Amino acid sequence: MYRNCSILLFLLFLLGTATPVSAFCIHNDSEQRLFFEVGDHGINYRKWIAAGSMACCDWRQENCNWTHIATGRLSVRLADQKLNGVAAQCSATVRADGDLRLVRFAPAQQCQWN
């Protein structure tokens, strides 16, 4: 009985620490910290992402996905500073349950995506 409980607790721990399967993830493989904003129709997910890091948001969360479906297309904007100031920017789209990888940040919409 004790062994079964230990196995169950271990499996629950693994499930809690795994990368979310039903989320969009933005990977920042560039060499600088960037401000990402994902959203359409007034629903936005905003986050600073360090160089070499990523951020994910579950597509079922209201602030992450206005379409309410996993295959919905979401607008992504990124800048080298918060978007309320003058900033170099790039944009792309990502599926609500997909991945988007920025390889190189460059002004004037010349970012390199993978």
C-alpha atoms as a PDB file:
ATOM      1  CA  MET A   1       0.000   0.000   0.000  1.00  0.00           C
ATOM      2  CA  TYR A   2       2.778   2.447   0.955  1.00  0.00           C
ATOM      3  CA  ARG A   3       4.628   1.663  -2.276  1.00  0.00           C
ATOM      4  CA  ASN A   4       1.529   2.399  -4.403  1.00  0.00           C
ATOM      5  CA  CYS A   5       1.039   5.761  -2.689  1.00  0.00           C
ATOM      6  CA  SER A   6       4.692   6.661  -3.264  1.00  0.00           C
ATOM      7  CA  ILE A   7       4.439   5.827  -6.959  1.00  0.00           C
ATOM      8  CA  LEU A   8       1.241   7.835  -7.300  1.00  0.00           C
ATOM      9  CA  LEU A   9       2.777  10.861  -5.559  1.00  0.00           C
ATOM     10  CA  PHE A  10       5.857  10.637  -7.791  1.00  0.00           C
ATOM     11  CA  LEU A  11       3.710  10.536 -10.943  1.00  0.00           C
ATOM     12  CA  LEU A  12       1.669  13.527  -9.762  1.00  0.00           C
ATOM     13  CA  PHE A  13       4.916  15.425  -9.123  1.00  0.00           C
ATOM     14  CA  LEU A  14       6.117  14.682 -12.671  1.00  0.00           C
ATOM     15  CA  LEU A  15       2.820  15.823 -14.150  1.00  0.00           C
ATOM     16  CA  GLY A  16       2.987  19.062 -12.194  1.00  0.00           C
ATOM     17  CA  THR A  17       6.504  19.899 -13.369  1.00  0.00           C
ATOM     18  CA  ALA A  18       6.152  18.996 -17.053  1.00  0.00           C
ATOM     19  CA  THR A  19       5.986  21.662 -19.758  1.00  0.00           C
ATOM     20  CA  PRO A  20       2.323  22.288 -20.528  1.00  0.00           C
ATOM     21  CA  VAL A  21       1.164  20.367 -23.581  1.00  0.00           C
ATOM     22  CA  SER A  22      -1.813  22.611 -24.237  1.00  0.00           C
ATOM     23  CA  ALA A  23      -0.093  25.981 -24.267  1.00  0.00           C
ATOM     24  CA  PHE A  24       1.546  28.337 -26.673  1.00  0.00           C
ATOM     25  CA  CYS A  25       5.221  28.846 -25.971  1.00  0.00           C
ATOM     26  CA  ILE A  26       7.394  31.734 -27.093  1.00  0.00           C
ATOM     27  CA  HIS A  27      11.123  30.906 -27.230  1.00  0.00           C
ATOM     28  CA  ASN A  28      13.583  33.791 -27.193  1.00  0.00           C
ATOM     29  CA  ASP A  29      16.765  32.430 -28.773  1.00  0.00           C
ATOM     30  CA  SER A  30      18.022  35.948 -29.488  1.00  0.00           C
ATOM     31  CA  GLU A  31      20.837  37.552 -27.550  1.00  0.00           C
ATOM     32  CA  GLN A  32      18.719  40.149 -25.775  1.00  0.00           C
ATOM     33  CA  ARG A  33      15.848  40.441 -23.315  1.00  0.00           C
ATOM     34  CA  LEU A  34      12.617  41.263 -25.166  1.00  0.00           C
ATOM     35  CA  PHE A  35       9.057  42.265 -24.325  1.00  0.00           C
ATOM     36  CA  PHE A  36       6.429  39.943 -25.845  1.00  0.00           C
ATOM     37  CA  GLU A  37       2.753  40.712 -26.192  1.00  0.00           C
ATOM     38  CA  VAL A  38       0.279  38.103 -27.413  1.00  0.00           C
ATOM     39  CA  GLY A  39      -3.310  39.022 -27.957  1.00  0.00           C
ATOM     40  CA  ASP A  40      -6.210  39.998 -30.124  1.00  0.00           C
ATOM     41  CA  HIS A  41      -9.521  41.673 -29.380  1.00  0.00           C
ATOM     42  CA  GLY A  42      -8.320  43.256 -26.133  1.00  0.00           C
ATOM     43  CA  ILE A  43      -7.082  40.031 -24.520  1.00  0.00           C
ATOM     44  CA  ASN A  44      -3.369  40.169 -23.949  1.00  0.00           C
ATOM     45  CA  TYR A  45      -0.539  38.167 -22.460  1.00  0.00           C
ATOM     46  CA  ARG A  46       2.493  40.345 -21.773  1.00  0.00           C
ATOM     47  CA  LYS A  47       5.864  39.223 -20.533  1.00  0.00           C
ATOM     48  CA  TRP A  48       9.551  40.069 -20.555  1.00  0.00           C
ATOM     49  CA  ILE A  49      11.518  37.052 -21.745  1.00  0.00           C
ATOM     50  CA  ALA A  50      15.242  36.866 -21.098  1.00  0.00           C
ATOM     51  CA  ALA A  51      17.672  35.866 -23.826  1.00  0.00           C
ATOM     52  CA  GLY A  52      17.735  32.084 -24.148  1.00  0.00           C
ATOM     53  CA  SER A  53      14.475  31.654 -22.194  1.00  0.00           C
ATOM     54  CA  MET A  54      10.851  30.877 -22.978  1.00  0.00           C
ATOM     55  CA  ALA A  55       7.382  31.645 -21.657  1.00  0.00           C
ATOM     56  CA  CYS A  56       4.227  29.559 -22.039  1.00  0.00           C
ATOM     57  CA  CYS A  57       0.562  30.265 -21.446  1.00  0.00           C
ATOM     58  CA  ASP A  58      -2.217  27.668 -21.421  1.00  0.00           C
ATOM     59  CA  TRP A  59      -4.559  28.256 -24.369  1.00  0.00           C
ATOM     60  CA  ARG A  60      -7.565  27.533 -22.116  1.00  0.00           C
ATOM     61  CA  GLN A  61      -6.850  30.632 -20.012  1.00  0.00           C
ATOM     62  CA  GLU A  62      -8.970  33.637 -20.957  1.00  0.00           C
ATOM     63  CA  ASN A  63      -6.008  36.053 -20.939  1.00  0.00           C
ATOM     64  CA  CYS A  64      -4.017  33.805 -23.301  1.00  0.00           C
ATOM     65  CA  ASN A  65      -6.461  32.941 -26.064  1.00  0.00           C
ATOM     66  CA  TRP A  66      -9.475  34.921 -27.191  1.00  0.00           C
ATOM     67  CA  THR A  67     -10.442  32.208 -29.729  1.00  0.00           C
ATOM     68  CA  HIS A  68     -11.089  29.584 -27.002  1.00  0.00           C
ATOM     69  CA  ILE A  69      -9.821  26.814 -29.330  1.00  0.00           C
ATOM     70  CA  ALA A  70      -6.397  25.157 -29.476  1.00  0.00           C
ATOM     71  CA  THR A  71      -6.017  25.788 -33.202  1.00  0.00           C
ATOM     72  CA  GLY A  72      -6.813  29.506 -32.958  1.00  0.00           C
ATOM     73  CA  ARG A  73      -4.264  31.951 -34.440  1.00  0.00           C
ATOM     74  CA  LEU A  74      -2.890  34.607 -32.092  1.00  0.00           C
ATOM     75  CA  SER A  75      -0.941  37.755 -32.904  1.00  0.00           C
ATOM     76  CA  VAL A  76       2.503  38.107 -31.354  1.00  0.00           C
ATOM     77  CA  ARG A  77       4.365  41.382 -31.092  1.00  0.00           C
ATOM     78  CA  LEU A  78       7.759  41.878 -29.548  1.00  0.00           C
ATOM     79  CA  ALA A  79       9.922  44.860 -28.803  1.00  0.00           C
ATOM     80  CA  ASP A  80      13.158  45.803 -27.160  1.00  0.00           C
ATOM     81  CA  GLN A  81      11.163  47.888 -24.663  1.00  0.00           C
ATOM     82  CA  LYS A  82       7.549  47.987 -23.460  1.00  0.00           C
ATOM     83  CA  LEU A  83       5.232  48.660 -26.374  1.00  0.00           C
ATOM     84  CA  ASN A  84       3.816  51.917 -24.997  1.00  0.00           C
ATOM     85  CA  GLY A  85       7.062  53.708 -25.925  1.00  0.00           C
ATOM     86  CA  VAL A  86       8.959  54.003 -29.180  1.00  0.00           C
ATOM     87  CA  ALA A  87      10.556  50.632 -29.770  1.00  0.00           C
ATOM     88  CA  ALA A  88      12.009  48.393 -32.431  1.00  0.00           C
ATOM     89  CA  GLN A  89       9.279  45.809 -33.115  1.00  0.00           C
ATOM     90  CA  CYS A  90       8.538  42.557 -34.933  1.00  0.00           C
ATOM     91  CA  SER A  91       5.349  40.546 -35.231  1.00  0.00           C
ATOM     92  CA  ALA A  92       4.200  37.023 -36.078  1.00  0.00           C
ATOM     93  CA  THR A  93       1.342  34.621 -35.364  1.00  0.00           C
ATOM     94  CA  VAL A  94       1.238  31.463 -33.277  1.00  0.00           C
ATOM     95  CA  ARG A  95      -1.335  28.712 -32.837  1.00  0.00           C
ATOM     96  CA  ALA A  96      -2.915  28.831 -29.388  1.00  0.00           C
ATOM     97  CA  ASP A  97      -1.316  25.441 -28.660  1.00  0.00           C
ATOM     98  CA  GLY A  98       1.836  26.022 -30.722  1.00  0.00           C
ATOM     99  CA  ASP A  99       5.444  27.125 -30.456  1.00  0.00           C
ATOM    100  CA  LEU A 100       7.117  30.198 -31.847  1.00  0.00           C
ATOM    101  CA  ARG A 101      10.900  30.543 -31.796  1.00  0.00           C
ATOM    102  CA  LEU A 102      12.676  33.848 -32.319  1.00  0.00           C
ATOM    103  CA  VAL A 103      16.197  33.282 -33.626  1.00  0.00           C
ATOM    104  CA  ARG A 104      17.289  36.881 -34.179  1.00  0.00           C
ATOM    105  CA  PHE A 105      15.734  40.205 -33.224  1.00  0.00           C
ATOM    106  CA  ALA A 106      16.149  42.990 -35.784  1.00  0.00           C
ATOM    107  CA  PRO A 107      14.288  46.294 -36.151  1.00  0.00           C
ATOM    108  CA  ALA A 108      11.902  47.145 -38.986  1.00  0.00           C
ATOM    109  CA  GLN A 109      10.098  43.783 -39.040  1.00  0.00           C
ATOM    110  CA  GLN A 110      13.249  41.864 -40.036  1.00  0.00           C
ATOM    111  CA  CYS A 111      13.277  39.397 -37.166  1.00  0.00           C
ATOM    112  CA  GLN A 112      14.265  35.831 -37.937  1.00  0.00           C
ATOM    113  CA  TRP A 113      11.720  33.240 -36.778  1.00  0.00           C
ATOM    114  CA  ASN A 114      12.125  29.478 -36.778  1.00  0.00           C
END
